[in-house]
């Protein structure tokens, strides 16, 4: 049985302020939790109902597992319909992107606000084999519960960094590709082995201070009348095209 203080503490992690203070975030669902347990993330604790406990029989961290009732899980879950198990993991201490150790092409997100979009982009990056996503300070936090949920465990494998994009890109000597309406057709683009690919916010695209740092503007050609594509869809199309070129 959870105490009131335990319930209060876990519920506080629904908010970014307390995730930052305690350096902990919430993962829900057996599949996603399993992905994090098999990663470099450090487990803090697991809260599970009796029906799910047998599935944790081989877990080496049994002292960190707490049995809870369904009603208790409802109180601590971020979901409308909890999935019988919730875990807390530590947020990595060193979360700065090392430009000297970059390998391949890194995805950069400038002001992406929707948690579902960020989670989907993380999951898509994982599918296509992109290991790094660099987020501006105005992009939604990667450890937001909705982002974690939408990533479906892929956050356990894709490194997500929060950086001052202007400072980072101004000091780099790698090609910087950015999705703009007047850019080069991505299907005619010669992609580099290393560099950055920037996607802007859902409402206003790439910010004015970042546009001058783009060395290679690109665009996804269309034949319809809508003004723009969803940022997660744009990222998926570009990552698929990049992967196709790499495999040629």
C-alpha atoms as a PDB file:
ATOM      1  CA  UNK A   1       0.000   0.000   0.000  1.00  0.00           C
ATOM      2  CA  UNK A   2       1.297   3.416  -0.955  1.00  0.00           C
ATOM      3  CA  UNK A   3       1.486   6.173   1.616  1.00  0.00           C
ATOM      4  CA  UNK A   4       0.023   9.609   0.952  1.00  0.00           C
ATOM      5  CA  UNK A   5       3.557  11.023   0.688  1.00  0.00           C
ATOM      6  CA  UNK A   6       4.516   8.400  -1.936  1.00  0.00           C
ATOM      7  CA  UNK A   7       1.396   9.179  -3.965  1.00  0.00           C
ATOM      8  CA  UNK A   8       2.044  12.903  -3.666  1.00  0.00           C
ATOM      9  CA  UNK A   9       5.685  12.481  -4.715  1.00  0.00           C
ATOM     10  CA  UNK A  10       4.889  10.428  -7.826  1.00  0.00           C
ATOM     11  CA  UNK A  11       2.064  12.786  -8.809  1.00  0.00           C
ATOM     12  CA  UNK A  12       4.487  15.715  -8.537  1.00  0.00           C
ATOM     13  CA  UNK A  13       6.516  14.134 -11.354  1.00  0.00           C
ATOM     14  CA  UNK A  14       3.619  14.828 -13.707  1.00  0.00           C
ATOM     15  CA  UNK A  15       5.039  18.374 -13.741  1.00  0.00           C
ATOM     16  CA  UNK A  16       8.280  19.446 -15.430  1.00  0.00           C
ATOM     17  CA  UNK A  17       9.328  21.517 -12.402  1.00  0.00           C
ATOM     18  CA  UNK A  18       9.483  18.494 -10.114  1.00  0.00           C
ATOM     19  CA  UNK A  19      10.967  16.190 -12.745  1.00  0.00           C
ATOM     20  CA  UNK A  20      13.815  18.671 -12.951  1.00  0.00           C
ATOM     21  CA  UNK A  21      14.193  18.947  -9.164  1.00  0.00           C
ATOM     22  CA  UNK A  22      14.187  15.182  -8.554  1.00  0.00           C
ATOM     23  CA  UNK A  23      15.746  14.166 -11.904  1.00  0.00           C
ATOM     24  CA  UNK A  24      13.130  11.443 -12.342  1.00  0.00           C
ATOM     25  CA  UNK A  25      10.520  10.733 -15.013  1.00  0.00           C
ATOM     26  CA  UNK A  26       7.550   8.388 -15.443  1.00  0.00           C
ATOM     27  CA  UNK A  27       7.249   5.468 -17.851  1.00  0.00           C
ATOM     28  CA  UNK A  28       3.985   3.486 -18.129  1.00  0.00           C
ATOM     29  CA  UNK A  29       3.138   0.161 -19.736  1.00  0.00           C
ATOM     30  CA  UNK A  30       5.033  -3.135 -19.612  1.00  0.00           C
ATOM     31  CA  UNK A  31       6.498  -2.880 -23.123  1.00  0.00           C
ATOM     32  CA  UNK A  32       7.899   0.632 -22.653  1.00  0.00           C
ATOM     33  CA  UNK A  33       9.225  -0.143 -19.176  1.00  0.00           C
ATOM     34  CA  UNK A  34      10.947  -3.272 -20.528  1.00  0.00           C
ATOM     35  CA  UNK A  35      12.687  -1.135 -23.167  1.00  0.00           C
ATOM     36  CA  UNK A  36      14.079   1.181 -20.485  1.00  0.00           C
ATOM     37  CA  UNK A  37      15.114  -1.748 -18.262  1.00  0.00           C
ATOM     38  CA  UNK A  38      17.257  -3.027 -21.139  1.00  0.00           C
ATOM     39  CA  UNK A  39      18.893   0.372 -21.723  1.00  0.00           C
ATOM     40  CA  UNK A  40      21.419   2.580 -19.933  1.00  0.00           C
ATOM     41  CA  UNK A  41      18.647   4.295 -17.958  1.00  0.00           C
ATOM     42  CA  UNK A  42      18.762   3.704 -14.201  1.00  0.00           C
ATOM     43  CA  UNK A  43      15.618   2.362 -12.560  1.00  0.00           C
ATOM     44  CA  UNK A  44      14.349   4.124  -9.443  1.00  0.00           C
ATOM     45  CA  UNK A  45      11.200   2.109  -8.701  1.00  0.00           C
ATOM     46  CA  UNK A  46       8.309   0.136 -10.206  1.00  0.00           C
ATOM     47  CA  UNK A  47       4.650   0.182  -9.126  1.00  0.00           C
ATOM     48  CA  UNK A  48       2.520  -2.704 -10.424  1.00  0.00           C
ATOM     49  CA  UNK A  49      -0.779  -4.425  -9.721  1.00  0.00           C
ATOM     50  CA  UNK A  50      -0.823  -8.088  -8.625  1.00  0.00           C
ATOM     51  CA  UNK A  51      -1.780  -9.402 -12.073  1.00  0.00           C
ATOM     52  CA  UNK A  52       1.372  -7.972 -13.659  1.00  0.00           C
ATOM     53  CA  UNK A  53       3.861  -9.005 -10.940  1.00  0.00           C
ATOM     54  CA  UNK A  54       4.436 -12.549 -12.336  1.00  0.00           C
ATOM     55  CA  UNK A  55       5.713 -10.948 -15.551  1.00  0.00           C
ATOM     56  CA  UNK A  56       8.464  -9.278 -13.492  1.00  0.00           C
ATOM     57  CA  UNK A  57       9.690 -12.564 -11.999  1.00  0.00           C
ATOM     58  CA  UNK A  58      13.101 -12.349 -13.711  1.00  0.00           C
ATOM     59  CA  UNK A  59      13.679  -8.726 -12.775  1.00  0.00           C
ATOM     60  CA  UNK A  60      16.968  -8.260 -10.909  1.00  0.00           C
ATOM     61  CA  UNK A  61      15.703  -5.147  -9.082  1.00  0.00           C
ATOM     62  CA  UNK A  62      12.975  -6.866  -7.045  1.00  0.00           C
ATOM     63  CA  UNK A  63      13.623  -4.646  -4.029  1.00  0.00           C
ATOM     64  CA  UNK A  64      12.486  -1.701  -6.160  1.00  0.00           C
ATOM     65  CA  UNK A  65       9.097  -3.224  -7.055  1.00  0.00           C
ATOM     66  CA  UNK A  66       6.008  -2.146  -5.102  1.00  0.00           C
ATOM     67  CA  UNK A  67       2.635  -3.847  -5.390  1.00  0.00           C
ATOM     68  CA  UNK A  68      -0.229  -1.375  -5.708  1.00  0.00           C
ATOM     69  CA  UNK A  69      -3.975  -1.592  -6.145  1.00  0.00           C
ATOM     70  CA  UNK A  70      -5.728  -0.445  -9.300  1.00  0.00           C
ATOM     71  CA  UNK A  71      -7.135   2.556  -7.391  1.00  0.00           C
ATOM     72  CA  UNK A  72      -3.658   3.549  -6.240  1.00  0.00           C
ATOM     73  CA  UNK A  73      -2.377   3.256  -9.795  1.00  0.00           C
ATOM     74  CA  UNK A  74      -5.157   5.555 -10.981  1.00  0.00           C
ATOM     75  CA  UNK A  75      -3.955   8.171  -8.464  1.00  0.00           C
ATOM     76  CA  UNK A  76      -0.333   8.142  -9.666  1.00  0.00           C
ATOM     77  CA  UNK A  77      -0.807   7.473 -13.391  1.00  0.00           C
ATOM     78  CA  UNK A  78      -0.713  10.166 -16.067  1.00  0.00           C
ATOM     79  CA  UNK A  79      -3.055   8.114 -18.243  1.00  0.00           C
ATOM     80  CA  UNK A  80      -6.852   8.129 -18.341  1.00  0.00           C
ATOM     81  CA  UNK A  81      -6.739   4.323 -18.458  1.00  0.00           C
ATOM     82  CA  UNK A  82      -3.631   3.116 -16.533  1.00  0.00           C
ATOM     83  CA  UNK A  83      -1.763   0.067 -17.857  1.00  0.00           C
ATOM     84  CA  UNK A  84      -1.250  -1.868 -14.578  1.00  0.00           C
ATOM     85  CA  UNK A  85       2.404  -0.839 -14.237  1.00  0.00           C
ATOM     86  CA  UNK A  86       4.296   2.420 -13.798  1.00  0.00           C
ATOM     87  CA  UNK A  87       8.017   3.006 -13.287  1.00  0.00           C
ATOM     88  CA  UNK A  88      10.300   5.865 -12.362  1.00  0.00           C
ATOM     89  CA  UNK A  89      13.670   6.217 -14.085  1.00  0.00           C
ATOM     90  CA  UNK A  90      16.509   8.653 -13.546  1.00  0.00           C
ATOM     91  CA  UNK A  91      17.008  11.455 -16.045  1.00  0.00           C
ATOM     92  CA  UNK A  92      20.594  11.213 -17.370  1.00  0.00           C
ATOM     93  CA  UNK A  93      22.938  13.742 -15.782  1.00  0.00           C
ATOM     94  CA  UNK A  94      25.028  14.595 -18.827  1.00  0.00           C
ATOM     95  CA  UNK A  95      22.558  15.739 -21.437  1.00  0.00           C
ATOM     96  CA  UNK A  96      24.773  17.938 -23.619  1.00  0.00           C
ATOM     97  CA  UNK A  97      25.392  17.115 -27.263  1.00  0.00           C
ATOM     98  CA  UNK A  98      29.085  16.645 -28.042  1.00  0.00           C
ATOM     99  CA  UNK A  99      29.607  17.986 -31.538  1.00  0.00           C
ATOM    100  CA  UNK A 100      33.041  16.357 -31.676  1.00  0.00           C
ATOM    101  CA  UNK A 101      31.569  12.890 -31.291  1.00  0.00           C
ATOM    102  CA  UNK A 102      28.680  13.230 -33.724  1.00  0.00           C
ATOM    103  CA  UNK A 103      28.208  10.292 -36.059  1.00  0.00           C
ATOM    104  CA  UNK A 104      25.956  10.501 -39.066  1.00  0.00           C
ATOM    105  CA  UNK A 105      23.185  13.051 -39.466  1.00  0.00           C
ATOM    106  CA  UNK A 106      21.438  14.394 -36.379  1.00  0.00           C
ATOM    107  CA  UNK A 107      17.796  15.485 -36.266  1.00  0.00           C
ATOM    108  CA  UNK A 108      17.251  18.988 -34.831  1.00  0.00           C
ATOM    109  CA  UNK A 109      13.899  20.276 -33.572  1.00  0.00           C
ATOM    110  CA  UNK A 110      13.306  24.002 -33.216  1.00  0.00           C
ATOM    111  CA  UNK A 111      10.271  24.892 -31.096  1.00  0.00           C
ATOM    112  CA  UNK A 112       8.239  21.692 -31.557  1.00  0.00           C
ATOM    113  CA  UNK A 113       5.515  22.062 -28.917  1.00  0.00           C
ATOM    114  CA  UNK A 114       3.217  19.064 -29.237  1.00  0.00           C
ATOM    115  CA  UNK A 115       4.263  16.099 -27.039  1.00  0.00           C
ATOM    116  CA  UNK A 116       2.670  13.644 -29.440  1.00  0.00           C
ATOM    117  CA  UNK A 117       4.724  15.026 -32.329  1.00  0.00           C
ATOM    118  CA  UNK A 118       7.994  14.788 -30.393  1.00  0.00           C
ATOM    119  CA  UNK A 119       7.221  11.258 -29.231  1.00  0.00           C
ATOM    120  CA  UNK A 120       6.366  10.207 -32.781  1.00  0.00           C
ATOM    121  CA  UNK A 121       9.567  11.770 -34.141  1.00  0.00           C
ATOM    122  CA  UNK A 122      11.621   9.894 -31.526  1.00  0.00           C
ATOM    123  CA  UNK A 123       9.911   6.625 -32.480  1.00  0.00           C
ATOM    124  CA  UNK A 124      10.435   7.322 -36.192  1.00  0.00           C
ATOM    125  CA  UNK A 125      14.107   8.165 -35.649  1.00  0.00           C
ATOM    126  CA  UNK A 126      14.507   4.854 -33.836  1.00  0.00           C
ATOM    127  CA  UNK A 127      12.873   2.990 -36.739  1.00  0.00           C
ATOM    128  CA  UNK A 128      15.153   4.562 -39.355  1.00  0.00           C
ATOM    129  CA  UNK A 129      18.305   4.311 -37.242  1.00  0.00           C
ATOM    130  CA  UNK A 130      18.923   7.947 -36.287  1.00  0.00           C
ATOM    131  CA  UNK A 131      20.577   7.995 -32.880  1.00  0.00           C
ATOM    132  CA  UNK A 132      20.509  11.695 -31.931  1.00  0.00           C
ATOM    133  CA  UNK A 133      17.776  14.319 -31.665  1.00  0.00           C
ATOM    134  CA  UNK A 134      18.768  17.823 -30.576  1.00  0.00           C
ATOM    135  CA  UNK A 135      15.945  20.001 -29.234  1.00  0.00           C
ATOM    136  CA  UNK A 136      15.843  23.739 -28.783  1.00  0.00           C
ATOM    137  CA  UNK A 137      15.080  25.113 -25.339  1.00  0.00           C
ATOM    138  CA  UNK A 138      11.623  26.012 -26.696  1.00  0.00           C
ATOM    139  CA  UNK A 139      10.823  22.414 -27.693  1.00  0.00           C
ATOM    140  CA  UNK A 140       8.638  20.319 -25.383  1.00  0.00           C
ATOM    141  CA  UNK A 141      10.660  18.364 -22.802  1.00  0.00           C
ATOM    142  CA  UNK A 142      11.577  14.808 -23.844  1.00  0.00           C
ATOM    143  CA  UNK A 143      10.607  13.431 -20.402  1.00  0.00           C
ATOM    144  CA  UNK A 144       7.090  14.841 -20.528  1.00  0.00           C
ATOM    145  CA  UNK A 145       4.857  11.779 -19.862  1.00  0.00           C
ATOM    146  CA  UNK A 146       2.983  12.288 -23.143  1.00  0.00           C
ATOM    147  CA  UNK A 147       6.266  12.336 -25.074  1.00  0.00           C
ATOM    148  CA  UNK A 148       7.484   9.202 -23.299  1.00  0.00           C
ATOM    149  CA  UNK A 149       4.180   7.446 -24.016  1.00  0.00           C
ATOM    150  CA  UNK A 150       4.125   8.443 -27.695  1.00  0.00           C
ATOM    151  CA  UNK A 151       7.712   7.273 -28.188  1.00  0.00           C
ATOM    152  CA  UNK A 152       6.622   3.698 -27.292  1.00  0.00           C
ATOM    153  CA  UNK A 153       9.954   2.897 -25.635  1.00  0.00           C
ATOM    154  CA  UNK A 154      12.126   4.397 -28.374  1.00  0.00           C
ATOM    155  CA  UNK A 155      13.325   7.117 -25.994  1.00  0.00           C
ATOM    156  CA  UNK A 156      15.326   4.332 -24.325  1.00  0.00           C
ATOM    157  CA  UNK A 157      17.499   4.090 -27.469  1.00  0.00           C
ATOM    158  CA  UNK A 158      17.443   7.538 -29.101  1.00  0.00           C
ATOM    159  CA  UNK A 159      19.536  10.179 -27.325  1.00  0.00           C
ATOM    160  CA  UNK A 160      17.591  13.432 -26.938  1.00  0.00           C
ATOM    161  CA  UNK A 161      19.445  16.618 -25.996  1.00  0.00           C
ATOM    162  CA  UNK A 162      18.268  20.106 -25.069  1.00  0.00           C
ATOM    163  CA  UNK A 163      20.598  22.785 -26.430  1.00  0.00           C
ATOM    164  CA  UNK A 164      20.917  26.432 -27.334  1.00  0.00           C
ATOM    165  CA  UNK A 165      20.593  25.790 -31.070  1.00  0.00           C
ATOM    166  CA  UNK A 166      22.023  29.124 -32.174  1.00  0.00           C
ATOM    167  CA  UNK A 167      25.182  28.623 -30.119  1.00  0.00           C
ATOM    168  CA  UNK A 168      25.542  24.993 -31.234  1.00  0.00           C
ATOM    169  CA  UNK A 169      25.066  25.583 -34.966  1.00  0.00           C
ATOM    170  CA  UNK A 170      27.148  28.776 -35.025  1.00  0.00           C
ATOM    171  CA  UNK A 171      30.224  26.869 -33.856  1.00  0.00           C
ATOM    172  CA  UNK A 172      29.853  23.812 -36.087  1.00  0.00           C
ATOM    173  CA  UNK A 173      31.452  23.325 -39.502  1.00  0.00           C
ATOM    174  CA  UNK A 174      29.056  20.621 -40.661  1.00  0.00           C
ATOM    175  CA  UNK A 175      26.319  21.122 -43.280  1.00  0.00           C
ATOM    176  CA  UNK A 176      23.012  22.300 -41.834  1.00  0.00           C
ATOM    177  CA  UNK A 177      19.862  21.270 -43.698  1.00  0.00           C
ATOM    178  CA  UNK A 178      16.579  22.953 -42.845  1.00  0.00           C
ATOM    179  CA  UNK A 179      13.008  22.391 -44.026  1.00  0.00           C
ATOM    180  CA  UNK A 180      11.757  25.606 -45.656  1.00  0.00           C
ATOM    181  CA  UNK A 181       9.042  26.230 -48.230  1.00  0.00           C
ATOM    182  CA  UNK A 182      11.503  27.564 -50.838  1.00  0.00           C
ATOM    183  CA  UNK A 183      14.203  24.918 -50.394  1.00  0.00           C
ATOM    184  CA  UNK A 184      15.591  22.290 -52.753  1.00  0.00           C
ATOM    185  CA  UNK A 185      13.437  19.247 -53.492  1.00  0.00           C
ATOM    186  CA  UNK A 186      14.479  16.567 -50.948  1.00  0.00           C
ATOM    187  CA  UNK A 187      14.245  13.897 -53.652  1.00  0.00           C
ATOM    188  CA  UNK A 188      16.976  15.694 -55.619  1.00  0.00           C
ATOM    189  CA  UNK A 189      19.159  16.439 -52.597  1.00  0.00           C
ATOM    190  CA  UNK A 190      22.643  15.025 -52.138  1.00  0.00           C
ATOM    191  CA  UNK A 191      22.720  14.143 -48.462  1.00  0.00           C
ATOM    192  CA  UNK A 192      25.914  14.334 -46.398  1.00  0.00           C
ATOM    193  CA  UNK A 193      27.376  11.575 -44.249  1.00  0.00           C
ATOM    194  CA  UNK A 194      27.420  14.004 -41.308  1.00  0.00           C
ATOM    195  CA  UNK A 195      25.428  17.111 -40.491  1.00  0.00           C
ATOM    196  CA  UNK A 196      22.172  18.421 -39.083  1.00  0.00           C
ATOM    197  CA  UNK A 197      18.583  18.339 -40.339  1.00  0.00           C
ATOM    198  CA  UNK A 198      16.298  20.960 -38.756  1.00  0.00           C
ATOM    199  CA  UNK A 199      12.510  20.888 -38.441  1.00  0.00           C
ATOM    200  CA  UNK A 200      10.603  23.892 -37.108  1.00  0.00           C
ATOM    201  CA  UNK A 201       7.584  24.396 -34.885  1.00  0.00           C
ATOM    202  CA  UNK A 202       4.071  23.361 -35.854  1.00  0.00           C
ATOM    203  CA  UNK A 203       2.828  26.943 -36.128  1.00  0.00           C
ATOM    204  CA  UNK A 204       5.681  29.069 -37.444  1.00  0.00           C
ATOM    205  CA  UNK A 205       8.373  26.735 -38.728  1.00  0.00           C
ATOM    206  CA  UNK A 206      12.071  27.308 -38.109  1.00  0.00           C
ATOM    207  CA  UNK A 207      12.728  30.442 -36.031  1.00  0.00           C
ATOM    208  CA  UNK A 208      14.131  33.614 -37.584  1.00  0.00           C
ATOM    209  CA  UNK A 209      17.387  33.409 -35.610  1.00  0.00           C
ATOM    210  CA  UNK A 210      18.116  29.882 -36.870  1.00  0.00           C
ATOM    211  CA  UNK A 211      17.274  30.351 -40.575  1.00  0.00           C
ATOM    212  CA  UNK A 212      20.544  32.241 -41.368  1.00  0.00           C
ATOM    213  CA  UNK A 213      22.502  29.258 -40.002  1.00  0.00           C
ATOM    214  CA  UNK A 214      20.957  26.863 -42.557  1.00  0.00           C
ATOM    215  CA  UNK A 215      23.437  26.102 -45.328  1.00  0.00           C
ATOM    216  CA  UNK A 216      21.105  23.850 -47.347  1.00  0.00           C
ATOM    217  CA  UNK A 217      17.377  24.768 -47.425  1.00  0.00           C
ATOM    218  CA  UNK A 218      15.218  21.808 -48.440  1.00  0.00           C
ATOM    219  CA  UNK A 219      11.521  21.203 -49.021  1.00  0.00           C
ATOM    220  CA  UNK A 220       9.135  18.295 -49.465  1.00  0.00           C
ATOM    221  CA  UNK A 221       7.344  18.776 -52.806  1.00  0.00           C
ATOM    222  CA  UNK A 222       3.584  18.446 -52.788  1.00  0.00           C
ATOM    223  CA  UNK A 223       0.685  18.737 -55.199  1.00  0.00           C
ATOM    224  CA  UNK A 224      -2.150  19.722 -52.877  1.00  0.00           C
ATOM    225  CA  UNK A 225      -3.562  22.932 -51.456  1.00  0.00           C
ATOM    226  CA  UNK A 226      -2.765  22.629 -47.749  1.00  0.00           C
ATOM    227  CA  UNK A 227      -0.194  25.129 -46.458  1.00  0.00           C
ATOM    228  CA  UNK A 228       2.069  22.698 -44.646  1.00  0.00           C
ATOM    229  CA  UNK A 229       2.662  19.169 -43.393  1.00  0.00           C
ATOM    230  CA  UNK A 230       2.535  18.009 -39.789  1.00  0.00           C
ATOM    231  CA  UNK A 231       6.086  18.197 -38.413  1.00  0.00           C
ATOM    232  CA  UNK A 232       6.152  14.506 -37.427  1.00  0.00           C
ATOM    233  CA  UNK A 233       5.044  13.540 -40.952  1.00  0.00           C
ATOM    234  CA  UNK A 234       7.670  15.849 -42.479  1.00  0.00           C
ATOM    235  CA  UNK A 235      10.360  14.300 -40.301  1.00  0.00           C
ATOM    236  CA  UNK A 236       9.243  10.792 -41.266  1.00  0.00           C
ATOM    237  CA  UNK A 237       9.353  11.566 -45.000  1.00  0.00           C
ATOM    238  CA  UNK A 238      12.816  13.123 -44.734  1.00  0.00           C
ATOM    239  CA  UNK A 239      14.201  10.312 -42.585  1.00  0.00           C
ATOM    240  CA  UNK A 240      12.833   7.715 -45.019  1.00  0.00           C
ATOM    241  CA  UNK A 241      14.474   9.523 -47.955  1.00  0.00           C
ATOM    242  CA  UNK A 242      17.747   9.817 -46.048  1.00  0.00           C
ATOM    243  CA  UNK A 243      17.695   6.116 -45.200  1.00  0.00           C
ATOM    244  CA  UNK A 244      16.937   5.252 -48.837  1.00  0.00           C
ATOM    245  CA  UNK A 245      19.993   7.237 -49.960  1.00  0.00           C
ATOM    246  CA  UNK A 246      22.231   5.667 -47.333  1.00  0.00           C
ATOM    247  CA  UNK A 247      21.232   2.171 -48.490  1.00  0.00           C
ATOM    248  CA  UNK A 248      21.852   2.879 -52.190  1.00  0.00           C
END
